[in-house]
Amino acid sequence: MLDIDLVLLFGSALVFLIVLVVLNKMLFLPLMIHIDNRELNIKKKQNKNENIELELNSILNQSNNLLIQAKQKSKDITDKATDEANKQAEKLYQNALTLQNNKIEEFQASYDTKKSQLEKSLQGIELEICDKINDKIKSA
């Protein structure tokens, strides 16, 4: 009933092997080449992305360094300006204080002069009053 036909078996095996060789040449090898090329492109793009990331990190570090330097320069300029303003303010204060002291001395000198003039005038008036009183006493 079931007989194994050797010619059919070898024929099927031969057709299978031919199909396998044809598929290998026409489909599997080009597919493997395409997959290898795709992996190579992916690796190239990954390397390129890594290089770009390194470059961006370098630029970011440079910009951070520049920002730090700019902040330090700004602080130095601000400190220098503050010191100069304080020195100028101190000079102005000392000048105003000197001027005030000079005015006080002038006022004191003027006051002393007027006081001595008033005292002399009062002494003269006092002598006149005394003389008038004495004259009235003598005439009375």
N, C-alpha and C. Protein backbone atom coordinates (compact mmCIF):
# COMPACT_ATOMS: atom_id res chain seq x y z
N MET A 1 0.78 -1.17 0.00
CA MET A 1 0.00 0.00 0.00
C MET A 1 0.85 1.27 0.00
N LEU A 2 1.55 1.45 1.01
CA LEU A 2 2.41 2.62 1.01
C LEU A 2 3.80 2.17 0.60
N ASP A 3 4.11 2.54 -0.55
CA ASP A 3 5.44 2.23 -1.02
C ASP A 3 6.25 3.52 -1.07
N ILE A 4 7.47 3.41 -0.77
CA ILE A 4 8.37 4.55 -0.85
C ILE A 4 8.96 4.51 -2.25
N ASP A 5 8.71 5.59 -2.96
CA ASP A 5 9.23 5.71 -4.30
C ASP A 5 10.54 6.48 -4.20
N LEU A 6 11.63 5.77 -4.49
CA LEU A 6 12.95 6.37 -4.34
C LEU A 6 13.19 7.47 -5.36
N VAL A 7 12.72 7.38 -6.52
CA VAL A 7 12.92 8.39 -7.55
C VAL A 7 12.22 9.68 -7.11
N LEU A 8 11.00 9.54 -6.62
CA LEU A 8 10.25 10.70 -6.14
C LEU A 8 10.94 11.31 -4.92
N LEU A 9 11.45 10.47 -4.03
CA LEU A 9 12.15 10.94 -2.82
C LEU A 9 13.40 11.71 -3.21
N PHE A 10 14.21 11.15 -4.10
CA PHE A 10 15.43 11.85 -4.52
C PHE A 10 15.09 13.10 -5.34
N GLY A 11 14.06 13.02 -6.12
CA GLY A 11 13.62 14.18 -6.92
C GLY A 11 13.18 15.31 -6.00
N SER A 12 12.41 15.00 -4.96
CA SER A 12 11.95 16.01 -4.02
C SER A 12 13.13 16.60 -3.26
N ALA A 13 14.09 15.73 -2.89
CA ALA A 13 15.26 16.21 -2.17
C ALA A 13 16.09 17.12 -3.08
N LEU A 14 16.21 16.75 -4.36
CA LEU A 14 16.96 17.56 -5.29
C LEU A 14 16.28 18.91 -5.52
N VAL A 15 14.96 18.92 -5.66
CA VAL A 15 14.21 20.17 -5.84
C VAL A 15 14.37 21.02 -4.57
N PHE A 16 14.33 20.39 -3.41
CA PHE A 16 14.49 21.12 -2.14
C PHE A 16 15.86 21.79 -2.08
N LEU A 17 16.88 21.03 -2.46
CA LEU A 17 18.23 21.59 -2.43
C LEU A 17 18.39 22.72 -3.45
N ILE A 18 17.81 22.57 -4.62
CA ILE A 18 17.88 23.63 -5.65
C ILE A 18 17.17 24.88 -5.15
N VAL A 19 15.98 24.70 -4.57
CA VAL A 19 15.22 25.84 -4.03
C VAL A 19 16.03 26.49 -2.92
N LEU A 20 16.66 25.67 -2.07
CA LEU A 20 17.46 26.20 -0.97
C LEU A 20 18.64 27.02 -1.50
N VAL A 21 19.33 26.56 -2.52
CA VAL A 21 20.46 27.28 -3.10
C VAL A 21 19.97 28.56 -3.78
N VAL A 22 18.88 28.49 -4.52
CA VAL A 22 18.34 29.67 -5.19
C VAL A 22 17.90 30.72 -4.17
N LEU A 23 17.17 30.27 -3.12
CA LEU A 23 16.74 31.22 -2.07
C LEU A 23 17.95 31.82 -1.36
N ASN A 24 18.96 31.04 -1.12
CA ASN A 24 20.15 31.52 -0.46
C ASN A 24 20.82 32.61 -1.31
N LYS A 25 20.95 32.35 -2.62
CA LYS A 25 21.61 33.31 -3.51
C LYS A 25 20.75 34.54 -3.75
N MET A 26 19.47 34.36 -3.93
CA MET A 26 18.58 35.44 -4.34
C MET A 26 17.96 36.21 -3.16
N LEU A 27 17.78 35.56 -2.02
CA LEU A 27 17.06 36.21 -0.93
C LEU A 27 17.91 36.35 0.32
N PHE A 28 18.44 35.25 0.81
CA PHE A 28 19.11 35.29 2.12
C PHE A 28 20.41 36.11 2.08
N LEU A 29 21.25 35.90 1.07
CA LEU A 29 22.51 36.66 1.01
C LEU A 29 22.26 38.16 0.83
N PRO A 30 21.42 38.61 -0.09
CA PRO A 30 21.15 40.05 -0.19
C PRO A 30 20.51 40.61 1.09
N LEU A 31 19.66 39.79 1.72
CA LEU A 31 19.03 40.23 2.96
C LEU A 31 20.07 40.39 4.06
N MET A 32 21.01 39.46 4.15
CA MET A 32 22.08 39.53 5.16
C MET A 32 22.99 40.73 4.87
N ILE A 33 23.30 40.96 3.59
CA ILE A 33 24.12 42.12 3.23
C ILE A 33 23.39 43.42 3.62
N HIS A 34 22.11 43.48 3.34
CA HIS A 34 21.32 44.66 3.69
C HIS A 34 21.30 44.86 5.21
N ILE A 35 21.12 43.79 5.96
CA ILE A 35 21.09 43.88 7.43
C ILE A 35 22.46 44.34 7.96
N ASP A 36 23.56 43.80 7.39
CA ASP A 36 24.90 44.21 7.82
C ASP A 36 25.13 45.70 7.50
N ASN A 37 24.72 46.12 6.29
CA ASN A 37 24.86 47.53 5.94
C ASN A 37 24.04 48.43 6.87
N ARG A 38 22.86 47.98 7.19
CA ARG A 38 21.99 48.75 8.09
C ARG A 38 22.64 48.86 9.47
N GLU A 39 23.17 47.79 10.00
CA GLU A 39 23.85 47.84 11.30
C GLU A 39 25.05 48.76 11.26
N LEU A 40 25.80 48.71 10.14
CA LEU A 40 26.96 49.59 9.99
C LEU A 40 26.54 51.06 9.97
N ASN A 41 25.45 51.37 9.25
CA ASN A 41 24.93 52.74 9.22
C ASN A 41 24.47 53.19 10.61
N ILE A 42 23.83 52.28 11.32
CA ILE A 42 23.37 52.62 12.68
C ILE A 42 24.55 52.91 13.58
N LYS A 43 25.60 52.10 13.48
CA LYS A 43 26.80 52.35 14.30
C LYS A 43 27.46 53.68 13.92
N LYS A 44 27.51 53.98 12.61
CA LYS A 44 28.08 55.26 12.18
C LYS A 44 27.28 56.43 12.75
N LYS A 45 25.98 56.31 12.69
CA LYS A 45 25.12 57.39 13.20
C LYS A 45 25.25 57.52 14.72
N GLN A 46 25.38 56.38 15.41
CA GLN A 46 25.58 56.43 16.86
C GLN A 46 26.90 57.14 17.19
N ASN A 47 27.96 56.77 16.45
CA ASN A 47 29.25 57.43 16.66
C ASN A 47 29.16 58.93 16.38
N LYS A 48 28.46 59.27 15.29
CA LYS A 48 28.29 60.67 14.95
C LYS A 48 27.52 61.40 16.05
N ASN A 49 26.45 60.76 16.57
CA ASN A 49 25.68 61.36 17.66
C ASN A 49 26.52 61.52 18.93
N GLU A 50 27.35 60.53 19.20
CA GLU A 50 28.23 60.63 20.38
C GLU A 50 29.23 61.77 20.21
N ASN A 51 29.78 61.92 19.00
CA ASN A 51 30.70 63.02 18.74
C ASN A 51 30.00 64.37 18.88
N ILE A 52 28.78 64.45 18.37
CA ILE A 52 28.02 65.69 18.51
C ILE A 52 27.73 65.98 19.98
N GLU A 53 27.39 64.94 20.73
CA GLU A 53 27.13 65.12 22.17
C GLU A 53 28.39 65.59 22.89
N LEU A 54 29.54 65.00 22.56
CA LEU A 54 30.80 65.44 23.17
C LEU A 54 31.10 66.90 22.81
N GLU A 55 30.86 67.24 21.55
CA GLU A 55 31.10 68.62 21.11
C GLU A 55 30.17 69.59 21.83
N LEU A 56 28.91 69.20 21.97
CA LEU A 56 27.94 70.04 22.69
C LEU A 56 28.34 70.20 24.16
N ASN A 57 28.78 69.11 24.77
CA ASN A 57 29.23 69.21 26.16
C ASN A 57 30.44 70.13 26.28
N SER A 58 31.34 70.05 25.31
CA SER A 58 32.51 70.93 25.30
C SER A 58 32.07 72.39 25.17
N ILE A 59 31.16 72.66 24.26
CA ILE A 59 30.65 74.02 24.08
C ILE A 59 29.94 74.50 25.34
N LEU A 60 29.18 73.62 25.96
CA LEU A 60 28.48 73.97 27.20
C LEU A 60 29.48 74.30 28.30
N ASN A 61 30.53 73.51 28.41
CA ASN A 61 31.57 73.79 29.41
C ASN A 61 32.26 75.13 29.13
N GLN A 62 32.55 75.38 27.86
CA GLN A 62 33.17 76.66 27.50
C GLN A 62 32.25 77.83 27.84
N SER A 63 30.97 77.68 27.53
CA SER A 63 30.04 78.77 27.82
C SER A 63 29.90 78.96 29.33
N ASN A 64 29.90 77.86 30.09
CA ASN A 64 29.85 77.99 31.55
C ASN A 64 31.09 78.69 32.09
N ASN A 65 32.26 78.34 31.54
CA ASN A 65 33.50 79.00 31.95
C ASN A 65 33.47 80.48 31.62
N LEU A 66 32.97 80.81 30.42
CA LEU A 66 32.86 82.22 30.04
C LEU A 66 31.90 82.96 30.96
N LEU A 67 30.81 82.30 31.31
CA LEU A 67 29.84 82.92 32.22
C LEU A 67 30.46 83.16 33.59
N ILE A 68 31.23 82.20 34.08
CA ILE A 68 31.89 82.36 35.38
C ILE A 68 32.90 83.52 35.31
N GLN A 69 33.66 83.57 34.22
CA GLN A 69 34.63 84.66 34.06
C GLN A 69 33.93 86.01 33.97
N ALA A 70 32.82 86.06 33.25
CA ALA A 70 32.08 87.31 33.12
C ALA A 70 31.52 87.75 34.47
N LYS A 71 31.02 86.80 35.25
CA LYS A 71 30.52 87.14 36.59
C LYS A 71 31.64 87.67 37.47
N GLN A 72 32.81 87.04 37.37
CA GLN A 72 33.95 87.49 38.19
C GLN A 72 34.38 88.89 37.77
N LYS A 73 34.44 89.12 36.45
CA LYS A 73 34.82 90.46 35.98
C LYS A 73 33.80 91.49 36.43
N SER A 74 32.53 91.12 36.34
CA SER A 74 31.47 92.03 36.78
C SER A 74 31.61 92.35 38.26
N LYS A 75 31.91 91.34 39.06
CA LYS A 75 32.09 91.54 40.50
C LYS A 75 33.30 92.43 40.75
N ASP A 76 34.39 92.18 40.02
CA ASP A 76 35.59 93.01 40.18
C ASP A 76 35.31 94.46 39.82
N ILE A 77 34.61 94.67 38.72
CA ILE A 77 34.28 96.03 38.30
C ILE A 77 33.38 96.70 39.33
N THR A 78 32.39 95.96 39.83
CA THR A 78 31.49 96.51 40.83
C THR A 78 32.24 96.85 42.11
N ASP A 79 33.12 95.95 42.53
CA ASP A 79 33.91 96.21 43.75
C ASP A 79 34.80 97.43 43.57
N LYS A 80 35.45 97.53 42.40
CA LYS A 80 36.33 98.66 42.12
C LYS A 80 35.53 99.96 42.12
N ALA A 81 34.37 99.95 41.47
CA ALA A 81 33.53 101.15 41.42
C ALA A 81 33.05 101.53 42.81
N THR A 82 32.69 100.53 43.60
CA THR A 82 32.24 100.80 44.97
C THR A 82 33.36 101.40 45.80
N ASP A 83 34.56 100.85 45.67
CA ASP A 83 35.72 101.40 46.40
C ASP A 83 36.00 102.84 45.99
N GLU A 84 35.98 103.09 44.68
CA GLU A 84 36.22 104.44 44.21
C GLU A 84 35.14 105.39 44.70
N ALA A 85 33.89 104.95 44.67
CA ALA A 85 32.79 105.80 45.15
C ALA A 85 32.94 106.06 46.64
N ASN A 86 33.34 105.05 47.40
CA ASN A 86 33.55 105.24 48.84
C ASN A 86 34.69 106.21 49.10
N LYS A 87 35.77 106.11 48.31
CA LYS A 87 36.90 107.04 48.47
C LYS A 87 36.46 108.47 48.16
N GLN A 88 35.71 108.63 47.08
CA GLN A 88 35.23 109.96 46.71
C GLN A 88 34.28 110.50 47.78
N ALA A 89 33.42 109.64 48.28
CA ALA A 89 32.50 110.06 49.33
C ALA A 89 33.27 110.46 50.59
N GLU A 90 34.31 109.71 50.92
CA GLU A 90 35.13 110.04 52.08
C GLU A 90 35.83 111.38 51.88
N LYS A 91 36.35 111.62 50.65
CA LYS A 91 36.99 112.90 50.35
C LYS A 91 35.98 114.04 50.49
N LEU A 92 34.79 113.84 49.92
CA LEU A 92 33.76 114.86 50.02
C LEU A 92 33.38 115.12 51.47
N TYR A 93 33.27 114.06 52.24
CA TYR A 93 32.93 114.20 53.66
C TYR A 93 34.03 114.97 54.39
N GLN A 94 35.29 114.63 54.11
CA GLN A 94 36.40 115.32 54.76
C GLN A 94 36.43 116.80 54.34
N ASN A 95 36.19 117.06 53.06
CA ASN A 95 36.15 118.45 52.59
C ASN A 95 35.02 119.22 53.26
N ALA A 96 33.84 118.58 53.35
CA ALA A 96 32.71 119.23 54.00
C ALA A 96 33.01 119.47 55.48
N LEU A 97 33.64 118.50 56.12
CA LEU A 97 33.99 118.63 57.53
C LEU A 97 35.01 119.76 57.73
N THR A 98 36.01 119.82 56.84
CA THR A 98 37.00 120.89 56.91
C THR A 98 36.34 122.25 56.69
N LEU A 99 35.46 122.33 55.70
CA LEU A 99 34.74 123.56 55.43
C LEU A 99 33.89 123.97 56.62
N GLN A 100 33.22 123.01 57.21
CA GLN A 100 32.40 123.28 58.39
C GLN A 100 33.26 123.79 59.54
N ASN A 101 34.38 123.15 59.76
CA ASN A 101 35.29 123.59 60.83
C ASN A 101 35.82 125.00 60.56
N ASN A 102 36.15 125.28 59.29
CA ASN A 102 36.60 126.63 58.93
C ASN A 102 35.51 127.65 59.19
N LYS A 103 34.29 127.32 58.80
CA LYS A 103 33.16 128.24 59.03
C LYS A 103 32.95 128.46 60.53
N ILE A 104 33.07 127.38 61.30
CA ILE A 104 32.91 127.50 62.75
C ILE A 104 34.00 128.39 63.32
N GLU A 105 35.24 128.20 62.85
CA GLU A 105 36.35 129.04 63.32
C GLU A 105 36.13 130.49 62.94
N GLU A 106 35.68 130.72 61.68
CA GLU A 106 35.40 132.09 61.25
C GLU A 106 34.30 132.71 62.11
N PHE A 107 33.25 131.92 62.33
CA PHE A 107 32.15 132.42 63.16
C PHE A 107 32.65 132.72 64.56
N GLN A 108 33.46 131.81 65.12
CA GLN A 108 33.98 132.00 66.48
C GLN A 108 34.86 133.26 66.53
N ALA A 109 35.70 133.45 65.50
CA ALA A 109 36.55 134.64 65.46
C ALA A 109 35.69 135.90 65.35
N SER A 110 34.69 135.85 64.47
CA SER A 110 33.78 136.99 64.31
C SER A 110 33.02 137.25 65.61
N TYR A 111 32.59 136.17 66.22
CA TYR A 111 31.86 136.28 67.50
C TYR A 111 32.76 136.92 68.56
N ASP A 112 34.00 136.41 68.65
CA ASP A 112 34.93 136.96 69.65
C ASP A 112 35.21 138.43 69.38
N THR A 113 35.39 138.79 68.11
CA THR A 113 35.65 140.18 67.76
C THR A 113 34.47 141.07 68.15
N LYS A 114 33.27 140.65 67.77
CA LYS A 114 32.07 141.43 68.10
C LYS A 114 31.85 141.49 69.60
N LYS A 115 32.16 140.39 70.28
CA LYS A 115 32.01 140.35 71.74
C LYS A 115 32.96 141.36 72.38
N SER A 116 34.22 141.36 71.93
CA SER A 116 35.18 142.30 72.51
C SER A 116 34.79 143.74 72.17
N GLN A 117 34.27 143.97 70.95
CA GLN A 117 33.80 145.30 70.59
C GLN A 117 32.64 145.73 71.48
N LEU A 118 31.71 144.77 71.71
CA LEU A 118 30.57 145.08 72.58
C LEU A 118 31.03 145.33 74.01
N GLU A 119 32.00 144.53 74.46
CA GLU A 119 32.50 144.74 75.82
C GLU A 119 33.16 146.11 75.94
N LYS A 120 33.97 146.49 74.94
CA LYS A 120 34.60 147.82 74.96
C LYS A 120 33.54 148.91 74.92
N SER A 121 32.55 148.69 74.06
CA SER A 121 31.48 149.67 73.95
C SER A 121 30.72 149.77 75.25
N LEU A 122 30.47 148.60 75.88
CA LEU A 122 29.76 148.60 77.16
C LEU A 122 30.61 149.27 78.24
N GLN A 123 31.91 149.05 78.21
CA GLN A 123 32.78 149.70 79.19
C GLN A 123 32.76 151.21 78.98
N GLY A 124 32.78 151.64 77.72
CA GLY A 124 32.71 153.07 77.43
C GLY A 124 31.39 153.65 77.91
N ILE A 125 30.31 152.93 77.62
CA ILE A 125 28.98 153.39 78.05
C ILE A 125 28.91 153.38 79.56
N GLU A 126 29.49 152.35 80.16
CA GLU A 126 29.49 152.25 81.63
C GLU A 126 30.24 153.43 82.25
N LEU A 127 31.38 153.78 81.67
CA LEU A 127 32.15 154.93 82.16
C LEU A 127 31.37 156.22 81.99
N GLU A 128 30.71 156.36 80.84
CA GLU A 128 29.90 157.56 80.62
C GLU A 128 28.78 157.64 81.64
N ILE A 129 28.10 156.49 81.87
CA ILE A 129 27.00 156.47 82.84
C ILE A 129 27.54 156.81 84.22
N CYS A 130 28.67 156.22 84.55
CA CYS A 130 29.27 156.50 85.87
C CYS A 130 29.62 157.99 85.98
N ASP A 131 30.20 158.56 84.91
CA ASP A 131 30.55 159.97 84.92
C ASP A 131 29.30 160.83 85.04
N LYS A 132 28.25 160.46 84.32
CA LYS A 132 27.00 161.22 84.39
C LYS A 132 26.40 161.10 85.79
N ILE A 133 26.44 159.92 86.35
CA ILE A 133 25.90 159.73 87.71
C ILE A 133 26.73 160.58 88.68
N ASN A 134 28.06 160.52 88.54
CA ASN A 134 28.92 161.31 89.43
C ASN A 134 28.64 162.80 89.25
N ASP A 135 28.46 163.26 88.02
CA ASP A 135 28.17 164.66 87.76
C ASP A 135 26.83 165.04 88.38
N LYS A 136 25.86 164.15 88.31
CA LYS A 136 24.54 164.44 88.87
C LYS A 136 24.64 164.43 90.37
N ILE A 137 25.46 163.54 90.90
CA ILE A 137 25.62 163.49 92.35
C ILE A 137 26.31 164.78 92.81
N LYS A 138 27.29 165.22 92.10
CA LYS A 138 28.01 166.43 92.47
C LYS A 138 27.11 167.66 92.29
N SER A 139 26.34 167.68 91.29
CA SER A 139 25.47 168.83 91.07
C SER A 139 24.25 168.78 91.97
N ALA A 140 23.94 167.73 92.52
CA ALA A 140 22.77 167.65 93.36
C ALA A 140 23.04 168.00 94.76
